[in-house]
Amino acid sequence: MTHFVRLLAVAGGTLAAGHADAAADPAPRPGAGDRPSVVLVHGAFDAAVRVAAWRTRPSWYVASTRDHVIAPELQRALAQRIGAHVTPLPTSHVPQEAEPAKGAAVILDAVQHAR
């Protein structure tokens, strides 16, 4: 039987100060708070990483230019270090909340290039 580790997100739509452009009261989601936000297979952190995936595979990065949690300069430096295709968005720390369509476009672009 597979064992799972559950990591629960903050429930209730509470947003930190660094997320000012995200909806203050997001629409309720069916089952929100009932299920884990992330499910990891037990032992996922046990294996040693021998080669970082970004060294051998293309990477994409959404840089939040109004982020007050991770400085935009640091984001650009990290993205440059891994050779990522960078999409800057004028959002706070949670671009997927503030600009979901643009975030989804980055994911779809990555999928197209992976084929």
Protein backbone atom coordinates (compact mmCIF):
# COMPACT_ATOMS: atom_id res chain seq x y z
CA MET A 1 0.00 0.00 0.00
CA THR A 2 1.26 3.49 -0.85
CA HIS A 3 1.61 5.92 2.03
CA PHE A 4 1.04 9.63 1.56
CA VAL A 5 2.25 12.71 3.35
CA ARG A 6 -0.30 15.53 3.40
CA LEU A 7 0.69 19.17 3.33
CA LEU A 8 -2.27 21.41 4.06
CA ALA A 9 -2.59 24.93 2.74
CA VAL A 10 -3.95 27.82 4.74
CA ALA A 11 -7.73 27.58 4.49
CA GLY A 12 -10.25 30.36 4.28
CA GLY A 13 -8.63 32.48 1.57
CA THR A 14 -6.39 34.40 3.97
CA LEU A 15 -3.73 36.31 2.06
CA ALA A 16 -0.47 37.70 3.33
CA ALA A 17 0.61 41.28 2.70
CA GLY A 18 2.86 40.14 -0.15
CA HIS A 19 -0.16 38.94 -2.10
CA ALA A 20 -1.99 42.25 -2.44
CA ASP A 21 -3.06 41.76 -6.06
CA ALA A 22 -4.76 38.41 -5.48
CA ALA A 23 -8.48 38.33 -4.81
CA ALA A 24 -9.09 39.13 -1.15
CA ASP A 25 -12.07 36.79 -1.01
CA PRO A 26 -11.59 34.06 -3.61
CA ALA A 27 -14.62 32.14 -4.76
CA PRO A 28 -15.22 29.10 -2.57
CA ARG A 29 -14.04 25.86 -4.09
CA PRO A 30 -15.96 22.64 -3.59
CA GLY A 31 -14.28 20.66 -0.85
CA ALA A 32 -11.76 23.41 -0.09
CA GLY A 33 -10.17 22.69 3.25
CA ASP A 34 -11.32 19.06 3.13
CA ARG A 35 -8.46 17.82 0.97
CA PRO A 36 -4.73 18.35 1.00
CA SER A 37 -3.32 20.93 -1.38
CA VAL A 38 -0.30 18.75 -2.10
CA VAL A 39 0.00 14.99 -1.83
CA LEU A 40 3.49 13.52 -1.81
CA VAL A 41 4.37 9.89 -2.09
CA HIS A 42 5.98 8.70 1.13
CA GLY A 43 9.74 8.68 0.69
CA ALA A 44 9.76 11.40 -1.98
CA PHE A 45 12.51 13.23 -0.10
CA ASP A 46 14.57 10.16 0.71
CA ALA A 47 16.34 9.82 -2.64
CA ALA A 48 19.44 11.90 -3.27
CA VAL A 49 19.30 14.15 -6.31
CA ARG A 50 22.29 13.34 -8.49
CA VAL A 51 21.62 15.84 -11.28
CA ALA A 52 19.20 18.75 -11.07
CA ALA A 53 16.57 18.47 -13.81
CA TRP A 54 17.18 22.05 -14.96
CA ARG A 55 20.71 21.04 -15.99
CA THR A 56 19.42 18.64 -18.64
CA ARG A 57 15.88 19.83 -19.41
CA PRO A 58 14.37 23.14 -20.50
CA SER A 59 12.86 25.26 -17.72
CA TRP A 60 10.25 28.00 -17.55
CA TYR A 61 10.01 30.67 -14.87
CA VAL A 62 7.31 33.22 -14.07
CA ALA A 63 9.03 36.23 -12.50
CA SER A 64 6.72 38.27 -10.29
CA THR A 65 7.97 41.83 -10.77
CA ARG A 66 6.02 43.23 -7.80
CA ASP A 67 6.91 40.45 -5.39
CA HIS A 68 7.62 41.54 -1.81
CA VAL A 69 8.45 38.01 -0.65
CA ILE A 70 11.20 37.05 -3.12
CA ALA A 71 12.96 40.06 -4.61
CA PRO A 72 12.43 40.32 -8.39
CA GLU A 73 16.21 40.72 -8.82
CA LEU A 74 16.77 37.39 -7.07
CA GLN A 75 14.09 35.75 -9.21
CA ARG A 76 15.79 36.99 -12.39
CA ALA A 77 19.18 35.76 -11.15
CA LEU A 78 17.81 32.31 -10.30
CA ALA A 79 16.00 32.04 -13.63
CA GLN A 80 19.16 33.09 -15.47
CA ARG A 81 21.23 30.54 -13.54
CA ILE A 82 19.02 27.68 -14.68
CA GLY A 83 18.70 29.03 -18.23
CA ALA A 84 14.93 29.33 -17.95
CA HIS A 85 12.53 30.84 -20.42
CA VAL A 86 11.37 33.80 -18.31
CA THR A 87 7.94 35.39 -18.37
CA PRO A 88 7.80 38.53 -16.23
CA LEU A 89 4.36 39.34 -14.83
CA PRO A 90 3.52 42.55 -12.92
CA THR A 91 2.16 40.62 -9.94
CA SER A 92 2.92 39.94 -6.32
CA HIS A 93 4.14 36.59 -4.96
CA VAL A 94 1.17 34.60 -6.30
CA PRO A 95 0.94 35.22 -10.06
CA GLN A 96 -1.29 32.16 -10.46
CA GLU A 97 -3.92 33.97 -8.37
CA ALA A 98 -3.49 37.45 -9.84
CA GLU A 99 -3.00 36.48 -13.51
CA PRO A 100 -4.23 32.87 -13.88
CA ALA A 101 -4.65 33.00 -17.66
CA LYS A 102 -1.11 34.31 -18.17
CA GLY A 103 0.29 31.70 -15.79
CA ALA A 104 -1.59 28.98 -17.65
CA ALA A 105 -0.17 30.29 -20.95
CA VAL A 106 3.36 29.77 -19.60
CA ILE A 107 2.51 26.19 -18.64
CA LEU A 108 0.98 25.50 -22.07
CA ASP A 109 4.07 26.97 -23.74
CA ALA A 110 6.27 24.61 -21.72
CA VAL A 111 4.07 21.66 -22.69
CA GLN A 112 4.29 22.56 -26.39
CA HIS A 113 8.09 22.75 -26.23
CA ALA A 114 8.31 19.44 -24.37
CA ARG A 115 6.77 17.49 -27.23
